Amino acid sequence: MVTAFDNSACVLFDLETGKPVVRIDSSQFGVSGGGGINRVVCHPTLPLTITAHDDRHIRFFDNVSGKLVHSMVAHLDAVTSLAVDPQGLYILSGSKLSS
């Protein structure tokens, strides 16, 4: 299970033991304050956690090491929603409406 916190961090937990397995800290990539995590999803077939941020980025983290694998600017405003199809081939993201 993965949980996201207000401080731009995620923690992956082992559901059997309830103990944290790995901590993902987005603040180490310059994400703070305005870079909060809005959505977090796990890839269905790969050991990846995918996060959607206020700073317009979608970030991909390795579930074993917690390291950033890929980052991309995805929208003109905060990324507010995120989904991965069941086969893990496509990512769908949404954003606030810019005026």
Foldseek 3Di string as FASTA:
>chain_A
DWDFDQQQKIFDADPVVRHTQDIAHPVVVVQGDQFGWQDWDAQQPAQWIWTWTQVQKIWIAHNRHNDTDDMDRHDPGGWHDWDAPNVRPDIDIDHDDDD
